[in-house]
């Protein structure tokens, strides 16, 4: 079945492209979510009208994403984990942990946008890629340290824990 994409879809195509997909994928996923339209002349004209507006929006989103990418490049995340012999972690640091650490610093990133081939299982510094936009990727420095040696971020004082009344 051929459909016209209304939005960029990872591993399928870009907005406005005509792509061939399985009938069930189109019927059960793309069409109900309004991510695609069936191919006909009326829908082609509608996509052309939408493309003009979308191109302006796309440019703005790309500029915003590039600004976020430059801010992310300056961020260093410090994640503390329990460590065994030979600096091997008990467990690992996953994309969910990195997303949580970014969120605590004011960057709201979904965990699926963080590109980790394998979870981090060693102490050290790692450069992690974050997909901010389908054309823009940023790098974030993740420093994994043994539990008890993590320093609070610069300028932030560690608050003493007080028992709840």
C-alpha atoms as a PDB file:
ATOM      1  CA  UNK A   1       0.000   0.000   0.000  1.00  0.00           C
ATOM      2  CA  UNK A   2       1.356   3.436  -0.875  1.00  0.00           C
ATOM      3  CA  UNK A   3       0.931   6.347   1.518  1.00  0.00           C
ATOM      4  CA  UNK A   4       2.118   9.954   1.730  1.00  0.00           C
ATOM      5  CA  UNK A   5       3.889  10.725   5.010  1.00  0.00           C
ATOM      6  CA  UNK A   6       2.642  13.742   6.949  1.00  0.00           C
ATOM      7  CA  UNK A   7       5.513  13.613   9.463  1.00  0.00           C
ATOM      8  CA  UNK A   8       9.091  12.376   9.514  1.00  0.00           C
ATOM      9  CA  UNK A   9       9.113   8.734  10.660  1.00  0.00           C
ATOM     10  CA  UNK A  10      12.403   7.133  11.677  1.00  0.00           C
ATOM     11  CA  UNK A  11      13.505   4.319   9.334  1.00  0.00           C
ATOM     12  CA  UNK A  12      10.610   4.961   6.950  1.00  0.00           C
ATOM     13  CA  UNK A  13      10.833   8.393   5.348  1.00  0.00           C
ATOM     14  CA  UNK A  14      10.450  12.149   5.544  1.00  0.00           C
ATOM     15  CA  UNK A  15       7.415  14.388   5.446  1.00  0.00           C
ATOM     16  CA  UNK A  16       5.817  14.506   1.986  1.00  0.00           C
ATOM     17  CA  UNK A  17       7.434  11.345   0.625  1.00  0.00           C
ATOM     18  CA  UNK A  18       5.403   8.591  -1.000  1.00  0.00           C
ATOM     19  CA  UNK A  19       6.386   5.277   0.572  1.00  0.00           C
ATOM     20  CA  UNK A  20       5.230   1.710   0.179  1.00  0.00           C
ATOM     21  CA  UNK A  21       4.247   0.019   3.455  1.00  0.00           C
ATOM     22  CA  UNK A  22       2.398  -3.084   4.544  1.00  0.00           C
ATOM     23  CA  UNK A  23      -1.371  -2.658   4.486  1.00  0.00           C
ATOM     24  CA  UNK A  24      -1.714  -3.509   8.189  1.00  0.00           C
ATOM     25  CA  UNK A  25       0.965  -0.995   9.207  1.00  0.00           C
ATOM     26  CA  UNK A  26      -0.810   1.747   7.257  1.00  0.00           C
ATOM     27  CA  UNK A  27      -4.306   0.777   8.392  1.00  0.00           C
ATOM     28  CA  UNK A  28      -3.505   0.131  12.071  1.00  0.00           C
ATOM     29  CA  UNK A  29      -0.732   2.618  12.821  1.00  0.00           C
ATOM     30  CA  UNK A  30      -0.033   5.351  10.262  1.00  0.00           C
ATOM     31  CA  UNK A  31      -3.567   6.318   9.202  1.00  0.00           C
ATOM     32  CA  UNK A  32      -5.266   6.347  12.661  1.00  0.00           C
ATOM     33  CA  UNK A  33      -2.456   8.494  14.108  1.00  0.00           C
ATOM     34  CA  UNK A  34      -2.689  10.838  11.102  1.00  0.00           C
ATOM     35  CA  UNK A  35       0.981  10.238  10.282  1.00  0.00           C
ATOM     36  CA  UNK A  36       0.144   9.419   6.652  1.00  0.00           C
ATOM     37  CA  UNK A  37      -2.525   9.794   3.969  1.00  0.00           C
ATOM     38  CA  UNK A  38      -3.526   7.464   1.173  1.00  0.00           C
ATOM     39  CA  UNK A  39      -2.082   8.416  -2.212  1.00  0.00           C
ATOM     40  CA  UNK A  40      -4.527  10.375  -4.399  1.00  0.00           C
ATOM     41  CA  UNK A  41      -4.554  13.795  -6.096  1.00  0.00           C
ATOM     42  CA  UNK A  42      -6.534  15.534  -3.363  1.00  0.00           C
ATOM     43  CA  UNK A  43      -4.146  14.307  -0.659  1.00  0.00           C
ATOM     44  CA  UNK A  44      -1.115  15.303  -2.747  1.00  0.00           C
ATOM     45  CA  UNK A  45      -2.457  18.880  -2.938  1.00  0.00           C
ATOM     46  CA  UNK A  46      -3.140  18.875   0.814  1.00  0.00           C
ATOM     47  CA  UNK A  47       0.409  17.690   1.536  1.00  0.00           C
ATOM     48  CA  UNK A  48       1.831  20.489  -0.642  1.00  0.00           C
ATOM     49  CA  UNK A  49      -0.134  23.063   1.358  1.00  0.00           C
ATOM     50  CA  UNK A  50       1.016  21.520   4.634  1.00  0.00           C
ATOM     51  CA  UNK A  51       4.618  21.339   3.410  1.00  0.00           C
ATOM     52  CA  UNK A  52       4.884  25.119   3.066  1.00  0.00           C
ATOM     53  CA  UNK A  53       3.841  25.630   6.683  1.00  0.00           C
ATOM     54  CA  UNK A  54       5.873  22.649   7.859  1.00  0.00           C
ATOM     55  CA  UNK A  55       9.082  23.870   6.212  1.00  0.00           C
ATOM     56  CA  UNK A  56       8.974  27.060   8.272  1.00  0.00           C
ATOM     57  CA  UNK A  57       8.227  25.072  11.429  1.00  0.00           C
ATOM     58  CA  UNK A  58      10.985  22.580  10.592  1.00  0.00           C
ATOM     59  CA  UNK A  59      13.550  25.350  10.207  1.00  0.00           C
ATOM     60  CA  UNK A  60      12.608  26.812  13.592  1.00  0.00           C
ATOM     61  CA  UNK A  61      12.720  23.382  15.276  1.00  0.00           C
ATOM     62  CA  UNK A  62      16.126  22.705  13.764  1.00  0.00           C
ATOM     63  CA  UNK A  63      17.523  26.020  15.016  1.00  0.00           C
ATOM     64  CA  UNK A  64      16.134  25.331  18.500  1.00  0.00           C
ATOM     65  CA  UNK A  65      17.634  21.820  18.435  1.00  0.00           C
ATOM     66  CA  UNK A  66      21.044  23.169  17.420  1.00  0.00           C
ATOM     67  CA  UNK A  67      20.912  25.624  20.331  1.00  0.00           C
ATOM     68  CA  UNK A  68      20.090  22.770  22.732  1.00  0.00           C
ATOM     69  CA  UNK A  69      22.919  20.685  21.236  1.00  0.00           C
ATOM     70  CA  UNK A  70      25.458  23.422  21.998  1.00  0.00           C
ATOM     71  CA  UNK A  71      24.149  23.675  25.566  1.00  0.00           C
ATOM     72  CA  UNK A  72      24.348  19.889  25.968  1.00  0.00           C
ATOM     73  CA  UNK A  73      27.976  19.903  24.836  1.00  0.00           C
ATOM     74  CA  UNK A  74      28.848  21.964  27.918  1.00  0.00           C
ATOM     75  CA  UNK A  75      27.062  19.606  30.326  1.00  0.00           C
ATOM     76  CA  UNK A  76      28.934  16.976  32.312  1.00  0.00           C
ATOM     77  CA  UNK A  77      26.788  14.450  34.122  1.00  0.00           C
ATOM     78  CA  UNK A  78      28.192  12.720  37.187  1.00  0.00           C
ATOM     79  CA  UNK A  79      26.495   9.429  37.993  1.00  0.00           C
ATOM     80  CA  UNK A  80      27.500   7.509  41.117  1.00  0.00           C
ATOM     81  CA  UNK A  81      27.132   3.735  41.262  1.00  0.00           C
ATOM     82  CA  UNK A  82      28.284   0.926  43.549  1.00  0.00           C
ATOM     83  CA  UNK A  83      31.528  -0.538  42.276  1.00  0.00           C
ATOM     84  CA  UNK A  84      33.130  -3.959  42.643  1.00  0.00           C
ATOM     85  CA  UNK A  85      36.618  -5.116  41.838  1.00  0.00           C
ATOM     86  CA  UNK A  86      38.416  -3.719  38.781  1.00  0.00           C
ATOM     87  CA  UNK A  87      36.062  -0.731  38.600  1.00  0.00           C
ATOM     88  CA  UNK A  88      33.182  -2.890  37.346  1.00  0.00           C
ATOM     89  CA  UNK A  89      29.744  -1.592  38.279  1.00  0.00           C
ATOM     90  CA  UNK A  90      27.100  -3.554  40.128  1.00  0.00           C
ATOM     91  CA  UNK A  91      24.434  -3.153  37.493  1.00  0.00           C
ATOM     92  CA  UNK A  92      24.909  -0.559  34.783  1.00  0.00           C
ATOM     93  CA  UNK A  93      24.143   2.993  33.673  1.00  0.00           C
ATOM     94  CA  UNK A  94      21.345   2.950  31.111  1.00  0.00           C
ATOM     95  CA  UNK A  95      19.730   5.549  28.895  1.00  0.00           C
ATOM     96  CA  UNK A  96      16.986   5.922  31.534  1.00  0.00           C
ATOM     97  CA  UNK A  97      19.617   6.885  34.139  1.00  0.00           C
ATOM     98  CA  UNK A  98      21.163   9.425  31.767  1.00  0.00           C
ATOM     99  CA  UNK A  99      17.718  10.862  30.916  1.00  0.00           C
ATOM    100  CA  UNK A 100      16.987  11.249  34.633  1.00  0.00           C
ATOM    101  CA  UNK A 101      20.328  12.989  35.220  1.00  0.00           C
ATOM    102  CA  UNK A 102      19.691  15.330  32.275  1.00  0.00           C
ATOM    103  CA  UNK A 103      16.210  16.059  33.617  1.00  0.00           C
ATOM    104  CA  UNK A 104      17.692  17.074  36.968  1.00  0.00           C
ATOM    105  CA  UNK A 105      19.847  19.605  35.094  1.00  0.00           C
ATOM    106  CA  UNK A 106      16.883  21.071  33.210  1.00  0.00           C
ATOM    107  CA  UNK A 107      17.116  19.150  29.929  1.00  0.00           C
ATOM    108  CA  UNK A 108      13.968  17.149  29.251  1.00  0.00           C
ATOM    109  CA  UNK A 109      15.044  14.291  26.978  1.00  0.00           C
ATOM    110  CA  UNK A 110      13.183  11.048  26.407  1.00  0.00           C
ATOM    111  CA  UNK A 111      15.250   7.966  27.178  1.00  0.00           C
ATOM    112  CA  UNK A 112      14.700   6.579  23.677  1.00  0.00           C
ATOM    113  CA  UNK A 113      16.458   9.651  22.252  1.00  0.00           C
ATOM    114  CA  UNK A 114      19.683   8.719  24.067  1.00  0.00           C
ATOM    115  CA  UNK A 115      21.894   6.530  21.889  1.00  0.00           C
ATOM    116  CA  UNK A 116      23.705   3.858  23.894  1.00  0.00           C
ATOM    117  CA  UNK A 117      24.813   0.769  22.008  1.00  0.00           C
ATOM    118  CA  UNK A 118      25.360  -1.083  25.286  1.00  0.00           C
ATOM    119  CA  UNK A 119      24.732   0.067  28.868  1.00  0.00           C
ATOM    120  CA  UNK A 120      27.782   1.546  30.610  1.00  0.00           C
ATOM    121  CA  UNK A 121      29.322  -1.033  32.969  1.00  0.00           C
ATOM    122  CA  UNK A 122      32.649   0.590  33.853  1.00  0.00           C
ATOM    123  CA  UNK A 123      33.788   3.591  35.856  1.00  0.00           C
ATOM    124  CA  UNK A 124      35.086   6.410  33.648  1.00  0.00           C
ATOM    125  CA  UNK A 125      34.109   9.182  31.256  1.00  0.00           C
ATOM    126  CA  UNK A 126      31.953   8.493  28.239  1.00  0.00           C
ATOM    127  CA  UNK A 127      30.633  10.624  25.376  1.00  0.00           C
ATOM    128  CA  UNK A 128      26.961   9.811  24.822  1.00  0.00           C
ATOM    129  CA  UNK A 129      24.974  10.869  21.761  1.00  0.00           C
ATOM    130  CA  UNK A 130      21.535  12.422  22.224  1.00  0.00           C
ATOM    131  CA  UNK A 131      19.163  12.688  19.261  1.00  0.00           C
ATOM    132  CA  UNK A 132      17.530  16.065  19.726  1.00  0.00           C
ATOM    133  CA  UNK A 133      15.987  16.373  16.274  1.00  0.00           C
ATOM    134  CA  UNK A 134      15.969  13.945  13.359  1.00  0.00           C
ATOM    135  CA  UNK A 135      18.824  15.945  11.771  1.00  0.00           C
ATOM    136  CA  UNK A 136      20.574  17.201  14.932  1.00  0.00           C
ATOM    137  CA  UNK A 137      22.510  15.169  17.471  1.00  0.00           C
ATOM    138  CA  UNK A 138      24.283  16.413  20.566  1.00  0.00           C
ATOM    139  CA  UNK A 139      27.024  14.962  22.717  1.00  0.00           C
ATOM    140  CA  UNK A 140      26.881  14.819  26.489  1.00  0.00           C
ATOM    141  CA  UNK A 141      29.778  13.831  28.733  1.00  0.00           C
ATOM    142  CA  UNK A 142      28.833  11.189  31.300  1.00  0.00           C
ATOM    143  CA  UNK A 143      31.216  10.566  34.155  1.00  0.00           C
ATOM    144  CA  UNK A 144      30.559   7.370  36.105  1.00  0.00           C
ATOM    145  CA  UNK A 145      32.163   7.424  39.558  1.00  0.00           C
ATOM    146  CA  UNK A 146      32.150   5.050  42.532  1.00  0.00           C
ATOM    147  CA  UNK A 147      29.355   5.712  45.024  1.00  0.00           C
ATOM    148  CA  UNK A 148      30.437   8.158  47.714  1.00  0.00           C
ATOM    149  CA  UNK A 149      32.878  10.113  45.534  1.00  0.00           C
ATOM    150  CA  UNK A 150      30.376  12.075  43.422  1.00  0.00           C
ATOM    151  CA  UNK A 151      30.693  15.825  43.705  1.00  0.00           C
ATOM    152  CA  UNK A 152      27.595  18.034  43.594  1.00  0.00           C
ATOM    153  CA  UNK A 153      27.339  20.249  40.499  1.00  0.00           C
ATOM    154  CA  UNK A 154      29.311  23.497  40.652  1.00  0.00           C
ATOM    155  CA  UNK A 155      27.410  26.175  42.546  1.00  0.00           C
ATOM    156  CA  UNK A 156      24.993  23.732  44.158  1.00  0.00           C
ATOM    157  CA  UNK A 157      25.421  22.987  47.820  1.00  0.00           C
ATOM    158  CA  UNK A 158      24.471  19.593  49.116  1.00  0.00           C
ATOM    159  CA  UNK A 159      21.439  19.953  51.348  1.00  0.00           C
ATOM    160  CA  UNK A 160      21.702  18.138  54.680  1.00  0.00           C
ATOM    161  CA  UNK A 161      19.108  15.447  55.094  1.00  0.00           C
ATOM    162  CA  UNK A 162      16.560  16.201  57.805  1.00  0.00           C
ATOM    163  CA  UNK A 163      14.179  13.621  59.188  1.00  0.00           C
ATOM    164  CA  UNK A 164      10.547  14.074  58.258  1.00  0.00           C
ATOM    165  CA  UNK A 165       8.358  15.219  61.196  1.00  0.00           C
END
